[in-house]
C-alpha atoms as a PDB file:
ATOM      1  CA  MET A   1     -53.400  -6.878  12.529  1.00  0.00           C
ATOM      2  CA  VAL A   2     -56.453  -9.164  13.265  1.00  0.00           C
ATOM      3  CA  LEU A   3     -55.670 -12.087  14.789  1.00  0.00           C
ATOM      4  CA  HIS A   4     -58.340 -15.389  15.096  1.00  0.00           C
ATOM      5  CA  SER A   5     -59.063 -17.889  17.186  1.00  0.00           C
ATOM      6  CA  ARG A   6     -58.168 -21.472  16.298  1.00  0.00           C
ATOM      7  CA  ARG A   7     -61.805 -22.493  16.071  1.00  0.00           C
ATOM      8  CA  GLN A   8     -62.883 -19.542  13.805  1.00  0.00           C
ATOM      9  CA  PHE A   9     -59.890 -20.800  11.641  1.00  0.00           C
ATOM     10  CA  LEU A  10     -60.443 -24.212  11.645  1.00  0.00           C
ATOM     11  CA  HIS A  11     -64.227 -23.587  10.667  1.00  0.00           C
ATOM     12  CA  CYS A  12     -63.373 -21.527   8.192  1.00  0.00           C
ATOM     13  CA  SER A  13     -61.228 -23.716   6.661  1.00  0.00           C
ATOM     14  CA  LEU A  14     -63.759 -26.211   6.750  1.00  0.00           C
ATOM     15  CA  VAL A  15     -66.359 -24.429   4.712  1.00  0.00           C
ATOM     16  CA  LEU A  16     -63.276 -23.471   2.116  1.00  0.00           C
ATOM     17  CA  ALA A  17     -63.034 -27.165   1.692  1.00  0.00           C
ATOM     18  CA  GLY A  18     -67.265 -27.813   1.172  1.00  0.00           C
ATOM     19  CA  LEU A  19     -67.407 -24.995  -1.124  1.00  0.00           C
ATOM     20  CA  GLY A  20     -64.284 -24.963  -2.895  1.00  0.00           C
ATOM     21  CA  PHE A  21     -63.896 -21.154  -3.291  1.00  0.00           C
ATOM     22  CA  LEU A  22     -61.060 -18.834  -1.122  1.00  0.00           C
ATOM     23  CA  ALA A  23     -63.870 -15.754  -0.923  1.00  0.00           C
ATOM     24  CA  GLY A  24     -66.621 -16.952   1.180  1.00  0.00           C
ATOM     25  CA  CYS A  25     -64.623 -16.910   4.962  1.00  0.00           C
ATOM     26  CA  GLY A  26     -64.416 -13.209   6.628  1.00  0.00           C
ATOM     27  CA  VAL A  27     -61.806 -14.584   8.737  1.00  0.00           C
ATOM     28  CA  LEU A  28     -59.260 -14.927   5.878  1.00  0.00           C
ATOM     29  CA  GLY A  29     -60.041 -11.343   4.753  1.00  0.00           C
ATOM     30  CA  ARG A  30     -59.167 -10.013   1.195  1.00  0.00           C
ATOM     31  CA  GLN A  31     -55.988 -11.183   1.585  1.00  0.00           C
ATOM     32  CA  ALA A  32     -55.779 -15.184   1.015  1.00  0.00           C
ATOM     33  CA  GLN A  33     -53.710 -16.733   3.447  1.00  0.00           C
ATOM     34  CA  PRO A  34     -52.704 -20.838   3.032  1.00  0.00           C
ATOM     35  CA  LEU A  35     -54.600 -22.791   4.572  1.00  0.00           C
ATOM     36  CA  GLY A  36     -53.127 -23.947   7.716  1.00  0.00           C
ATOM     37  CA  LYS A  37     -51.993 -22.823  11.177  1.00  0.00           C
ATOM     38  CA  VAL A  38     -51.092 -19.368  10.998  1.00  0.00           C
ATOM     39  CA  ALA A  39     -47.549 -19.260  13.230  1.00  0.00           C
ATOM     40  CA  ARG A  40     -47.779 -16.520  16.211  1.00  0.00           C
ATOM     41  CA  ILE A  41     -44.494 -15.791  17.757  1.00  0.00           C
ATOM     42  CA  GLY A  42     -43.528 -12.775  20.625  1.00  0.00           C
ATOM     43  CA  VAL A  43     -40.812 -10.303  20.526  1.00  0.00           C
ATOM     44  CA  LEU A  44     -39.711  -8.416  23.822  1.00  0.00           C
ATOM     45  CA  SER A  45     -37.000  -6.211  23.543  1.00  0.00           C
ATOM     46  CA  SER A  46     -36.284  -2.097  24.685  1.00  0.00           C
ATOM     47  CA  THR A  47     -37.846  -0.919  21.281  1.00  0.00           C
ATOM     48  CA  ASP A  48     -38.093  -1.311  17.675  1.00  0.00           C
ATOM     49  CA  GLY A  49     -35.414  -0.023  15.206  1.00  0.00           C
ATOM     50  CA  PRO A  50     -33.385  -0.955  12.349  1.00  0.00           C
ATOM     51  CA  PHE A  51     -32.020  -4.263  13.909  1.00  0.00           C
ATOM     52  CA  TRP A  52     -35.615  -5.612  13.888  1.00  0.00           C
ATOM     53  CA  ASP A  53     -36.197  -4.546  10.194  1.00  0.00           C
ATOM     54  CA  ALA A  54     -33.260  -6.652   9.713  1.00  0.00           C
ATOM     55  CA  PHE A  55     -35.177  -9.558  11.745  1.00  0.00           C
ATOM     56  CA  ARG A  56     -38.168  -9.377   9.698  1.00  0.00           C
ATOM     57  CA  GLN A  57     -36.052  -9.110   6.707  1.00  0.00           C
ATOM     58  CA  GLY A  58     -34.531 -12.410   7.440  1.00  0.00           C
ATOM     59  CA  LEU A  59     -38.154 -13.753   7.984  1.00  0.00           C
ATOM     60  CA  ARG A  60     -39.487 -12.955   4.872  1.00  0.00           C
ATOM     61  CA  GLU A  61     -36.647 -14.583   2.866  1.00  0.00           C
ATOM     62  CA  LEU A  62     -37.656 -17.929   4.199  1.00  0.00           C
ATOM     63  CA  GLY A  63     -41.448 -17.241   3.612  1.00  0.00           C
ATOM     64  CA  TYR A  64     -43.139 -15.352   6.542  1.00  0.00           C
ATOM     65  CA  VAL A  65     -45.020 -12.380   6.007  1.00  0.00           C
ATOM     66  CA  ASP A  66     -46.241 -10.609   9.376  1.00  0.00           C
ATOM     67  CA  GLY A  67     -50.260 -10.336   9.008  1.00  0.00           C
ATOM     68  CA  GLN A  68     -50.590 -13.377   6.382  1.00  0.00           C
ATOM     69  CA  ASN A  69     -48.959 -16.440   7.715  1.00  0.00           C
ATOM     70  CA  LEU A  70     -47.353 -15.077  10.394  1.00  0.00           C
ATOM     71  CA  GLY A  71     -48.475 -12.951  13.459  1.00  0.00           C
ATOM     72  CA  ILE A  72     -46.051 -11.249  15.579  1.00  0.00           C
ATOM     73  CA  GLU A  73     -46.700  -9.476  19.008  1.00  0.00           C
ATOM     74  CA  TYR A  74     -44.566  -7.080  20.031  1.00  0.00           C
ATOM     75  CA  ARG A  75     -43.904  -5.539  23.441  1.00  0.00           C
ATOM     76  CA  TRP A  76     -41.191  -2.533  24.296  1.00  0.00           C
ATOM     77  CA  SER A  77     -40.146  -2.018  27.283  1.00  0.00           C
ATOM     78  CA  GLU A  78     -38.489   1.584  26.146  1.00  0.00           C
ATOM     79  CA  GLY A  79     -35.562   0.789  28.321  1.00  0.00           C
ATOM     80  CA  ASN A  80     -37.636   0.506  31.377  1.00  0.00           C
ATOM     81  CA  LEU A  81     -36.409  -2.376  33.146  1.00  0.00           C
ATOM     82  CA  ASP A  82     -39.083  -2.603  35.672  1.00  0.00           C
ATOM     83  CA  GLN A  83     -41.856  -3.599  33.156  1.00  0.00           C
ATOM     84  CA  LEU A  84     -40.268  -6.453  31.591  1.00  0.00           C
ATOM     85  CA  PRO A  85     -41.918  -9.279  34.066  1.00  0.00           C
ATOM     86  CA  ALA A  86     -44.893  -7.754  33.460  1.00  0.00           C
ATOM     87  CA  LEU A  87     -44.674  -7.711  29.604  1.00  0.00           C
ATOM     88  CA  ALA A  88     -43.021 -11.169  29.814  1.00  0.00           C
ATOM     89  CA  ALA A  89     -46.051 -12.755  31.516  1.00  0.00           C
ATOM     90  CA  GLU A  90     -48.279 -10.979  29.148  1.00  0.00           C
ATOM     91  CA  LEU A  91     -46.808 -12.710  26.134  1.00  0.00           C
ATOM     92  CA  VAL A  92     -46.823 -15.926  28.034  1.00  0.00           C
ATOM     93  CA  ARG A  93     -50.640 -15.691  28.561  1.00  0.00           C
ATOM     94  CA  LEU A  94     -50.904 -15.303  24.940  1.00  0.00           C
ATOM     95  CA  GLU A  95     -49.739 -18.461  24.308  1.00  0.00           C
ATOM     96  CA  VAL A  96     -47.219 -17.875  21.348  1.00  0.00           C
ATOM     97  CA  GLY A  97     -45.165 -20.536  19.821  1.00  0.00           C
ATOM     98  CA  LEU A  98     -42.005 -18.867  20.917  1.00  0.00           C
ATOM     99  CA  ILE A  99     -40.711 -15.564  22.019  1.00  0.00           C
ATOM    100  CA  VAL A 100     -37.967 -13.690  20.715  1.00  0.00           C
ATOM    101  CA  VAL A 101     -35.826 -11.322  23.184  1.00  0.00           C
ATOM    102  CA  SER A 102     -32.432  -8.755  22.393  1.00  0.00           C
ATOM    103  CA  SER A 103     -30.064  -8.222  25.170  1.00  0.00           C
ATOM    104  CA  PRO A 104     -29.859 -10.192  29.143  1.00  0.00           C
ATOM    105  CA  GLN A 105     -32.495  -8.289  30.935  1.00  0.00           C
ATOM    106  CA  PRO A 106     -35.614  -9.276  28.554  1.00  0.00           C
ATOM    107  CA  THR A 107     -34.143 -12.542  28.553  1.00  0.00           C
ATOM    108  CA  ALA A 108     -34.123 -13.344  32.254  1.00  0.00           C
ATOM    109  CA  ALA A 109     -37.328 -11.728  32.364  1.00  0.00           C
ATOM    110  CA  VAL A 110     -39.134 -14.102  30.069  1.00  0.00           C
ATOM    111  CA  GLN A 111     -36.920 -17.119  30.948  1.00  0.00           C
ATOM    112  CA  ALA A 112     -38.666 -16.592  34.441  1.00  0.00           C
ATOM    113  CA  ALA A 113     -41.754 -16.375  32.911  1.00  0.00           C
ATOM    114  CA  THR A 114     -41.460 -19.797  31.224  1.00  0.00           C
ATOM    115  CA  THR A 115     -40.010 -22.730  30.922  1.00  0.00           C
ATOM    116  CA  THR A 116     -42.357 -24.058  28.210  1.00  0.00           C
ATOM    117  CA  ILE A 117     -42.119 -21.845  25.576  1.00  0.00           C
ATOM    118  CA  PRO A 118     -39.023 -21.431  23.538  1.00  0.00           C
ATOM    119  CA  ILE A 119     -37.129 -18.709  23.915  1.00  0.00           C
ATOM    120  CA  VAL A 120     -34.635 -17.450  21.433  1.00  0.00           C
ATOM    121  CA  PHE A 121     -32.409 -14.324  22.682  1.00  0.00           C
ATOM    122  CA  LEU A 122     -30.251 -12.222  21.057  1.00  0.00           C
ATOM    123  CA  VAL A 123     -27.284  -9.570  21.750  1.00  0.00           C
ATOM    124  CA  VAL A 124     -26.386 -11.756  24.859  1.00  0.00           C
ATOM    125  CA  ALA A 125     -22.575 -11.610  25.278  1.00  0.00           C
ATOM    126  CA  ASP A 126     -22.141 -14.746  27.404  1.00  0.00           C
ATOM    127  CA  PRO A 127     -24.804 -16.633  28.034  1.00  0.00           C
ATOM    128  CA  VAL A 128     -23.634 -19.316  29.695  1.00  0.00           C
ATOM    129  CA  GLY A 129     -21.930 -17.051  32.211  1.00  0.00           C
ATOM    130  CA  LEU A 130     -25.741 -15.389  33.018  1.00  0.00           C
ATOM    131  CA  GLY A 131     -27.166 -18.769  33.392  1.00  0.00           C
ATOM    132  CA  PHE A 132     -29.575 -18.975  30.115  1.00  0.00           C
ATOM    133  CA  VAL A 133     -27.912 -21.881  29.034  1.00  0.00           C
ATOM    134  CA  SER A 134     -25.934 -25.255  29.945  1.00  0.00           C
ATOM    135  CA  SER A 135     -23.114 -24.665  26.941  1.00  0.00           C
ATOM    136  CA  LEU A 136     -23.032 -23.315  24.030  1.00  0.00           C
ATOM    137  CA  ALA A 137     -22.824 -26.183  22.330  1.00  0.00           C
ATOM    138  CA  ARG A 138     -25.873 -27.900  24.257  1.00  0.00           C
ATOM    139  CA  PRO A 139     -27.879 -25.228  25.574  1.00  0.00           C
ATOM    140  CA  GLY A 140     -30.609 -27.654  27.197  1.00  0.00           C
ATOM    141  CA  GLY A 141     -33.677 -26.507  28.282  1.00  0.00           C
ATOM    142  CA  ASN A 142     -35.931 -23.665  26.453  1.00  0.00           C
ATOM    143  CA  ILE A 143     -33.507 -21.296  25.390  1.00  0.00           C
ATOM    144  CA  THR A 144     -31.099 -20.775  22.485  1.00  0.00           C
ATOM    145  CA  GLY A 145     -29.752 -17.707  20.488  1.00  0.00           C
ATOM    146  CA  PHE A 146     -27.192 -15.730  19.234  1.00  0.00           C
ATOM    147  CA  SER A 147     -24.359 -14.731  21.340  1.00  0.00           C
ATOM    148  CA  THR A 148     -22.561 -11.313  20.783  1.00  0.00           C
ATOM    149  CA  PHE A 149     -19.323 -12.404  22.267  1.00  0.00           C
ATOM    150  CA  PRO A 150     -16.884 -14.726  20.589  1.00  0.00           C
ATOM    151  CA  PRO A 151     -14.779 -16.282  22.936  1.00  0.00           C
ATOM    152  CA  GLU A 152     -11.625 -14.025  22.308  1.00  0.00           C
ATOM    153  CA  GLY A 153     -13.774 -11.339  22.769  1.00  0.00           C
ATOM    154  CA  PHE A 154     -13.552  -7.963  20.941  1.00  0.00           C
ATOM    155  CA  THR A 155     -13.576  -5.459  23.566  1.00  0.00           C
ATOM    156  CA  ALA A 156      -9.542  -5.492  23.856  1.00  0.00           C
ATOM    157  CA  LYS A 157      -9.942  -4.546  20.315  1.00  0.00           C
ATOM    158  CA  GLN A 158     -12.250  -1.951  20.846  1.00  0.00           C
ATOM    159  CA  LEU A 159      -9.827   0.444  22.986  1.00  0.00           C
ATOM    160  CA  GLU A 160      -7.016  -1.035  20.962  1.00  0.00           C
ATOM    161  CA  LEU A 161      -8.466   0.845  18.030  1.00  0.00           C
ATOM    162  CA  LEU A 162      -9.396   4.253  20.311  1.00  0.00           C
ATOM    163  CA  ASP A 163      -6.324   4.306  21.255  1.00  0.00           C
ATOM    164  CA  ALA A 164      -4.674   4.044  17.976  1.00  0.00           C
ATOM    165  CA  ALA A 165      -6.850   6.602  16.776  1.00  0.00           C
ATOM    166  CA  VAL A 166      -5.781   8.942  19.547  1.00  0.00           C
ATOM    167  CA  PRO A 167      -2.168   8.956  19.649  1.00  0.00           C
ATOM    168  CA  GLY A 168      -0.874  10.182  22.680  1.00  0.00           C
ATOM    169  CA  ALA A 169      -4.129   9.243  24.915  1.00  0.00           C
ATOM    170  CA  ALA A 170      -3.249   8.630  28.634  1.00  0.00           C
ATOM    171  CA  ARG A 171      -6.667   8.361  30.042  1.00  0.00           C
ATOM    172  CA  ILE A 172      -9.430   7.063  28.523  1.00  0.00           C
ATOM    173  CA  ALA A 173     -12.953   6.853  30.494  1.00  0.00           C
ATOM    174  CA  ILE A 174     -15.090   3.582  30.304  1.00  0.00           C
ATOM    175  CA  LEU A 175     -18.745   4.280  30.406  1.00  0.00           C
ATOM    176  CA  VAL A 176     -20.649   1.055  31.766  1.00  0.00           C
ATOM    177  CA  ASN A 177     -23.842   0.626  33.162  1.00  0.00           C
ATOM    178  CA  PRO A 178     -23.879  -1.393  36.405  1.00  0.00           C
ATOM    179  CA  SER A 179     -27.200  -2.754  35.739  1.00  0.00           C
ATOM    180  CA  ASN A 180     -26.114  -4.547  32.978  1.00  0.00           C
ATOM    181  CA  PRO A 181     -24.455  -7.942  34.010  1.00  0.00           C
ATOM    182  CA  ILE A 182     -22.535  -8.436  30.495  1.00  0.00           C
ATOM    183  CA  HIS A 183     -20.571  -5.401  31.728  1.00  0.00           C
ATOM    184  CA  ARG A 184     -19.154  -6.524  34.947  1.00  0.00           C
ATOM    185  CA  LEU A 185     -18.282  -9.679  32.435  1.00  0.00           C
ATOM    186  CA  VAL A 186     -16.320  -7.766  29.680  1.00  0.00           C
ATOM    187  CA  LEU A 187     -14.767  -5.319  31.881  1.00  0.00           C
ATOM    188  CA  PRO A 188     -11.795  -7.498  32.903  1.00  0.00           C
ATOM    189  CA  GLN A 189     -10.980  -7.985  28.987  1.00  0.00           C
ATOM    190  CA  THR A 190     -11.038  -3.903  28.660  1.00  0.00           C
ATOM    191  CA  MET A 191      -8.776  -3.314  31.728  1.00  0.00           C
ATOM    192  CA  ALA A 192      -6.173  -6.612  30.586  1.00  0.00           C
ATOM    193  CA  ALA A 193      -5.617  -4.394  27.360  1.00  0.00           C
ATOM    194  CA  ALA A 194      -5.709  -1.390  29.042  1.00  0.00           C
ATOM    195  CA  ASP A 195      -2.838  -2.301  31.075  1.00  0.00           C
ATOM    196  CA  LYS A 196      -1.088  -3.490  27.753  1.00  0.00           C
ATOM    197  CA  LEU A 197      -1.362  -0.167  26.245  1.00  0.00           C
ATOM    198  CA  GLY A 198       0.189   1.380  29.361  1.00  0.00           C
ATOM    199  CA  VAL A 199      -3.654   3.359  29.570  1.00  0.00           C
ATOM    200  CA  THR A 200      -5.489   4.431  32.390  1.00  0.00           C
ATOM    201  CA  LEU A 201      -8.829   3.654  32.537  1.00  0.00           C
ATOM    202  CA  GLN A 202     -11.476   6.030  34.702  1.00  0.00           C
ATOM    203  CA  ILE A 203     -14.783   3.753  35.134  1.00  0.00           C
ATOM    204  CA  ILE A 204     -18.389   5.962  35.060  1.00  0.00           C
ATOM    205  CA  GLU A 205     -21.017   4.520  36.141  1.00  0.00           C
ATOM    206  CA  VAL A 206     -24.418   5.306  34.386  1.00  0.00           C
ATOM    207  CA  ARG A 207     -28.119   3.425  35.734  1.00  0.00           C
ATOM    208  CA  ASP A 208     -30.330   6.259  33.775  1.00  0.00           C
ATOM    209  CA  ALA A 209     -30.586   9.015  31.117  1.00  0.00           C
ATOM    210  CA  GLU A 210     -30.100  11.717  34.118  1.00  0.00           C
ATOM    211  CA  GLU A 211     -26.756  10.462  35.058  1.00  0.00           C
ATOM    212  CA  LEU A 212     -25.329  10.657  31.582  1.00  0.00           C
ATOM    213  CA  ASP A 213     -24.361  14.898  32.096  1.00  0.00           C
ATOM    214  CA  GLY A 214     -22.663  13.988  35.172  1.00  0.00           C
ATOM    215  CA  ALA A 215     -20.501  11.246  33.904  1.00  0.00           C
ATOM    216  CA  PHE A 216     -19.200  13.232  31.075  1.00  0.00           C
ATOM    217  CA  GLN A 217     -18.826  15.979  33.677  1.00  0.00           C
ATOM    218  CA  ALA A 218     -16.740  13.760  35.535  1.00  0.00           C
ATOM    219  CA  ALA A 219     -14.580  12.229  32.278  1.00  0.00           C
ATOM    220  CA  THR A 220     -13.617  16.022  31.643  1.00  0.00           C
ATOM    221  CA  ARG A 221     -12.920  16.655  35.236  1.00  0.00           C
ATOM    222  CA  GLU A 222     -10.640  13.845  35.572  1.00  0.00           C
ATOM    223  CA  ARG A 223      -8.893  15.041  31.877  1.00  0.00           C
ATOM    224  CA  ALA A 224      -9.793  12.014  30.056  1.00  0.00           C
ATOM    225  CA  ASP A 225      -8.558  11.966  26.585  1.00  0.00           C
ATOM    226  CA  ALA A 226     -11.479   9.629  25.064  1.00  0.00           C
ATOM    227  CA  ILE A 227     -14.425   7.617  26.163  1.00  0.00           C
ATOM    228  CA  HIS A 228     -15.428   4.055  25.404  1.00  0.00           C
ATOM    229  CA  VAL A 229     -18.863   3.661  25.669  1.00  0.00           C
ATOM    230  CA  TYR A 230     -20.173   0.368  26.217  1.00  0.00           C
ATOM    231  CA  GLY A 231     -23.223  -0.913  24.477  1.00  0.00           C
ATOM    232  CA  ASP A 232     -26.717  -1.697  26.104  1.00  0.00           C
ATOM    233  CA  SER A 233     -29.996  -0.790  25.620  1.00  0.00           C
ATOM    234  CA  LEU A 234     -29.713   2.793  27.659  1.00  0.00           C
ATOM    235  CA  MET A 235     -26.605   3.301  25.754  1.00  0.00           C
ATOM    236  CA  SER A 236     -28.407   2.984  22.461  1.00  0.00           C
ATOM    237  CA  LEU A 237     -31.987   4.530  23.386  1.00  0.00           C
ATOM    238  CA  GLN A 238     -29.455   7.662  24.312  1.00  0.00           C
ATOM    239  CA  ARG A 239     -27.077   7.809  21.403  1.00  0.00           C
ATOM    240  CA  ALA A 240     -27.528  10.835  20.254  1.00  0.00           C
ATOM    241  CA  ARG A 241     -27.342  12.662  23.379  1.00  0.00           C
ATOM    242  CA  ILE A 242     -24.230  10.622  24.022  1.00  0.00           C
ATOM    243  CA  ALA A 243     -22.924  11.969  20.596  1.00  0.00           C
ATOM    244  CA  GLU A 244     -23.776  15.234  21.881  1.00  0.00           C
ATOM    245  CA  LEU A 245     -22.591  15.374  25.338  1.00  0.00           C
ATOM    246  CA  ALA A 246     -18.941  13.431  23.788  1.00  0.00           C
ATOM    247  CA  ALA A 247     -18.821  16.461  21.305  1.00  0.00           C
ATOM    248  CA  GLN A 248     -18.989  19.070  23.483  1.00  0.00           C
ATOM    249  CA  SER A 249     -16.925  17.576  26.063  1.00  0.00           C
ATOM    250  CA  ARG A 250     -14.445  17.295  23.099  1.00  0.00           C
ATOM    251  CA  LEU A 251     -13.945  13.663  23.695  1.00  0.00           C
ATOM    252  CA  PRO A 252     -13.379  11.139  21.019  1.00  0.00           C
ATOM    253  CA  ALA A 253     -15.272   7.922  21.879  1.00  0.00           C
ATOM    254  CA  MET A 254     -15.628   4.125  20.473  1.00  0.00           C
ATOM    255  CA  TYR A 255     -19.059   2.745  20.595  1.00  0.00           C
ATOM    256  CA  LEU A 256     -20.397  -0.793  19.948  1.00  0.00           C
ATOM    257  CA  THR A 257     -23.113  -0.652  17.057  1.00  0.00           C
ATOM    258  CA  ARG A 258     -22.968   1.704  13.873  1.00  0.00           C
ATOM    259  CA  GLU A 259     -25.977   3.051  15.088  1.00  0.00           C
ATOM    260  CA  HIS A 260     -23.946   5.459  17.128  1.00  0.00           C
ATOM    261  CA  VAL A 261     -21.797   6.528  14.623  1.00  0.00           C
ATOM    262  CA  GLU A 262     -24.887   7.667  12.732  1.00  0.00           C
ATOM    263  CA  ALA A 263     -26.116   9.688  15.068  1.00  0.00           C
ATOM    264  CA  GLY A 264     -22.907  11.808  15.270  1.00  0.00           C
ATOM    265  CA  GLY A 265     -20.538   9.549  17.352  1.00  0.00           C
ATOM    266  CA  LEU A 266     -16.726   9.085  16.104  1.00  0.00           C
ATOM    267  CA  MET A 267     -16.161   5.857  15.477  1.00  0.00           C
ATOM    268  CA  SER A 268     -17.889   1.786  16.522  1.00  0.00           C
ATOM    269  CA  TYR A 269     -16.558  -1.894  17.002  1.00  0.00           C
ATOM    270  CA  GLY A 270     -18.378  -4.627  17.563  1.00  0.00           C
ATOM    271  CA  PRO A 271     -20.620  -7.992  15.945  1.00  0.00           C
ATOM    272  CA  SER A 272     -22.983  -6.828  12.788  1.00  0.00           C
ATOM    273  CA  PHE A 273     -26.038  -6.890  14.978  1.00  0.00           C
ATOM    274  CA  GLN A 274     -27.977  -6.340  11.591  1.00  0.00           C
ATOM    275  CA  ASP A 275     -26.318  -9.664  10.630  1.00  0.00           C
ATOM    276  CA  LEU A 276     -27.129 -11.193  13.950  1.00  0.00           C
ATOM    277  CA  TYR A 277     -31.106 -10.281  13.487  1.00  0.00           C
ATOM    278  CA  ARG A 278     -31.564 -11.398  10.177  1.00  0.00           C
ATOM    279  CA  ARG A 279     -29.636 -14.824  11.185  1.00  0.00           C
ATOM    280  CA  ALA A 280     -32.150 -15.292  13.827  1.00  0.00           C
ATOM    281  CA  ALA A 281     -34.962 -15.270  11.700  1.00  0.00           C
ATOM    282  CA  THR A 282     -33.273 -19.239  10.831  1.00  0.00           C
ATOM    283  CA  TYR A 283     -33.782 -20.232  14.734  1.00  0.00           C
ATOM    284  CA  VAL A 284     -37.990 -19.065  14.029  1.00  0.00           C
ATOM    285  CA  ASP A 285     -38.044 -21.091  11.213  1.00  0.00           C
ATOM    286  CA  LYS A 286     -36.391 -24.293  12.720  1.00  0.00           C
ATOM    287  CA  ILE A 287     -38.163 -24.037  15.883  1.00  0.00           C
ATOM    288  CA  LEU A 288     -41.899 -23.076  14.632  1.00  0.00           C
ATOM    289  CA  LYS A 289     -41.298 -26.499  12.376  1.00  0.00           C
ATOM    290  CA  GLY A 290     -40.493 -28.712  15.153  1.00  0.00           C
ATOM    291  CA  ALA A 291     -36.670 -27.797  16.375  1.00  0.00           C
ATOM    292  CA  LYS A 292     -36.152 -28.042  19.893  1.00  0.00           C
ATOM    293  CA  PRO A 293     -34.040 -25.399  21.612  1.00  0.00           C
ATOM    294  CA  ALA A 294     -32.219 -27.846  23.356  1.00  0.00           C
ATOM    295  CA  ASP A 295     -30.966 -29.199  20.063  1.00  0.00           C
ATOM    296  CA  LEU A 296     -29.724 -25.643  18.295  1.00  0.00           C
ATOM    297  CA  PRO A 297     -26.061 -24.832  19.210  1.00  0.00           C
ATOM    298  CA  VAL A 298     -25.925 -20.893  20.384  1.00  0.00           C
ATOM    299  CA  GLN A 299     -24.977 -19.134  17.228  1.00  0.00           C
ATOM    300  CA  GLN A 300     -21.855 -16.602  17.868  1.00  0.00           C
ATOM    301  CA  PRO A 301     -20.695 -14.006  15.383  1.00  0.00           C
ATOM    302  CA  THR A 302     -19.119 -14.145  11.794  1.00  0.00           C
ATOM    303  CA  LYS A 303     -19.355 -10.537  10.963  1.00  0.00           C
ATOM    304  CA  PHE A 304     -17.835  -7.356  12.851  1.00  0.00           C
ATOM    305  CA  ASP A 305     -18.086  -3.857  11.538  1.00  0.00           C
ATOM    306  CA  PHE A 306     -15.489  -0.886  12.185  1.00  0.00           C
ATOM    307  CA  VAL A 307     -17.365   2.233  11.290  1.00  0.00           C
ATOM    308  CA  ILE A 308     -15.560   5.715  11.445  1.00  0.00           C
ATOM    309  CA  ASN A 309     -16.975   8.998  11.090  1.00  0.00           C
ATOM    310  CA  LEU A 310     -14.611  11.681   9.136  1.00  0.00           C
ATOM    311  CA  LYS A 311     -17.095  14.688  10.049  1.00  0.00           C
ATOM    312  CA  THR A 312     -17.009  14.056  13.791  1.00  0.00           C
ATOM    313  CA  ALA A 313     -13.202  13.667  13.889  1.00  0.00           C
ATOM    314  CA  GLN A 314     -12.556  16.720  11.430  1.00  0.00           C
ATOM    315  CA  ALA A 315     -15.177  19.019  14.228  1.00  0.00           C
ATOM    316  CA  LEU A 316     -12.901  17.123  16.811  1.00  0.00           C
ATOM    317  CA  GLY A 317      -9.973  18.297  15.398  1.00  0.00           C
ATOM    318  CA  LEU A 318      -9.065  14.831  14.997  1.00  0.00           C
ATOM    319  CA  THR A 319      -6.462  13.331  12.122  1.00  0.00           C
ATOM    320  CA  ILE A 320      -7.580   9.597  11.972  1.00  0.00           C
ATOM    321  CA  PRO A 321      -3.752   7.560  11.104  1.00  0.00           C
ATOM    322  CA  GLN A 322      -3.902   5.481   8.060  1.00  0.00           C
ATOM    323  CA  SER A 323      -3.351   2.491   9.673  1.00  0.00           C
ATOM    324  CA  VAL A 324      -6.869   2.702  11.520  1.00  0.00           C
ATOM    325  CA  LEU A 325      -8.541   3.894   8.771  1.00  0.00           C
ATOM    326  CA  SER A 326      -7.511   1.108   6.577  1.00  0.00           C
ATOM    327  CA  GLN A 327      -9.042  -1.212   8.963  1.00  0.00           C
ATOM    328  CA  ALA A 328     -12.488   0.441   8.486  1.00  0.00           C
ATOM    329  CA  THR A 329     -14.907  -1.649   6.851  1.00  0.00           C
ATOM    330  CA  GLU A 330     -17.047   1.612   6.340  1.00  0.00           C
ATOM    331  CA  VAL A 331     -16.102   5.367   6.585  1.00  0.00           C
ATOM    332  CA  VAL A 332     -19.015   8.125   6.953  1.00  0.00           C
ATOM    333  CA  GLN A 333     -17.878  11.342   5.073  1.00  0.00           C
END
């Protein structure tokens, strides 16, 4: 993709207007673009993937095509949190029209880098608690977006489904990343659900991929009956390895997203990330057309997915009760 300066573009437009044809300007190339300003936005996240495919699909549905009437500057940290401030500063220097970010850490990095460029966040559980917005209804400032955490939460539901799928489970390990502020915020809800279920929790912290083996060894050593893996960029990037370790440890596991199940995990329950990313395109469209983030309420998930992998259940020697199967939105055979 080649981006051109505003001066070049305006010069080209004047030539086209004067000569009355579209083929005489090299800036436009072979695919003629609509006359006018080409929108330019930034994206900062851990990595590319199917969720961003849904975002791009949402943009196409609204008439935006990358490389034609839209230019997207992608910056991926590949799970390296230390790179985020530099990547955020790079996007700010490019003077993009807005920046789309996913998860709390990239959001915080861009928030620290600019108070003027509009920011649309995704996959942030508690944007008010984390200080990104003043309120869900009236975000204020230059930030708005799509939260993954409805007021009633869903981590309690995750634990309930895992407990129901593994009858007799008395001890459940919880895999958390202490570097993720969201995990600290939602853990109390999981603990409250455990009290109601009469289940003992084992909290295991994992800060990087090198600690995963030790985490599952700790769960096995303490005789955990199942494991609940909190979702974040680290867990997503390492989903294949985590599914492998869960299988080796003979631990039925609950995850946040269907991608973990597709990688061999047992089950997932949470907001439909595909839906959230697709819907995010609507806010990009509104802001590019002049809307201010402060006037766009933070949106919450409206669709939840519960996915079960029966092949993994069979490998674990686990029979999923019909009462649990009947709640699934999708069953992987």
